[in-house]
Amino acid sequence: MYELCYCFDLKRKQLVQGMNFYLKVVTSIPGIDNHDANA
């Protein structure tokens, strides 16, 4: 059970890092503004 929780926590951290990276890439692309995010 502990291994399962540890694996889940590891996956969750990877997911958070992935989303942060995705947001950085999206916000660093010129031409994409807030009105595009609301579409």
C-alpha atoms as a PDB file:
ATOM      1  CA  MET A   1       0.000   0.000   0.000  1.00  0.00           C
ATOM      2  CA  TYR A   2       2.844   2.360   0.810  1.00  0.00           C
ATOM      3  CA  GLU A   3       4.493   1.724  -2.546  1.00  0.00           C
ATOM      4  CA  LEU A   4       1.237   2.528  -4.307  1.00  0.00           C
ATOM      5  CA  CYS A   5       0.918   5.846  -2.467  1.00  0.00           C
ATOM      6  CA  TYR A   6       4.543   6.705  -3.193  1.00  0.00           C
ATOM      7  CA  CYS A   7       4.090   5.944  -6.886  1.00  0.00           C
ATOM      8  CA  PHE A   8       0.937   8.065  -7.010  1.00  0.00           C
ATOM      9  CA  ASP A   9       2.692  10.973  -5.295  1.00  0.00           C
ATOM     10  CA  LEU A  10       5.567  10.714  -7.772  1.00  0.00           C
ATOM     11  CA  LYS A  11       3.151  10.766 -10.711  1.00  0.00           C
ATOM     12  CA  ARG A  12       1.329  13.755  -9.222  1.00  0.00           C
ATOM     13  CA  LYS A  13       4.567  15.720  -8.881  1.00  0.00           C
ATOM     14  CA  GLN A  14       5.501  14.895 -12.473  1.00  0.00           C
ATOM     15  CA  LEU A  15       2.058  16.061 -13.597  1.00  0.00           C
ATOM     16  CA  VAL A  16       2.400  19.360 -11.724  1.00  0.00           C
ATOM     17  CA  GLN A  17       5.864  19.955 -13.183  1.00  0.00           C
ATOM     18  CA  GLY A  18       4.538  19.125 -16.633  1.00  0.00           C
ATOM     19  CA  MET A  19       1.681  21.608 -16.292  1.00  0.00           C
ATOM     20  CA  ASN A  20       4.043  24.318 -15.049  1.00  0.00           C
ATOM     21  CA  PHE A  21       6.314  23.686 -18.034  1.00  0.00           C
ATOM     22  CA  TYR A  22       3.333  23.783 -20.403  1.00  0.00           C
ATOM     23  CA  LEU A  23       2.147  27.088 -18.929  1.00  0.00           C
ATOM     24  CA  LYS A  24       5.640  28.580 -19.252  1.00  0.00           C
ATOM     25  CA  VAL A  25       5.846  27.541 -22.905  1.00  0.00           C
ATOM     26  CA  VAL A  26       2.377  28.874 -23.700  1.00  0.00           C
ATOM     27  CA  THR A  27       2.941  32.200 -21.954  1.00  0.00           C
ATOM     28  CA  SER A  28       6.373  32.605 -23.573  1.00  0.00           C
ATOM     29  CA  ILE A  29       4.952  32.302 -27.105  1.00  0.00           C
ATOM     30  CA  PRO A  30       4.422  35.798 -28.562  1.00  0.00           C
ATOM     31  CA  GLY A  31       1.022  36.486 -30.068  1.00  0.00           C
ATOM     32  CA  ILE A  32      -0.912  34.422 -27.531  1.00  0.00           C
ATOM     33  CA  ASP A  33      -2.829  36.696 -25.201  1.00  0.00           C
ATOM     34  CA  ASN A  34      -5.559  36.295 -22.598  1.00  0.00           C
ATOM     35  CA  HIS A  35      -8.349  36.483 -25.175  1.00  0.00           C
ATOM     36  CA  ASP A  36      -6.970  33.333 -26.817  1.00  0.00           C
ATOM     37  CA  ALA A  37      -6.970  31.502 -23.487  1.00  0.00           C
ATOM     38  CA  ASN A  38     -10.638  32.344 -22.981  1.00  0.00           C
ATOM     39  CA  ALA A  39     -11.679  30.992 -26.385  1.00  0.00           C
END
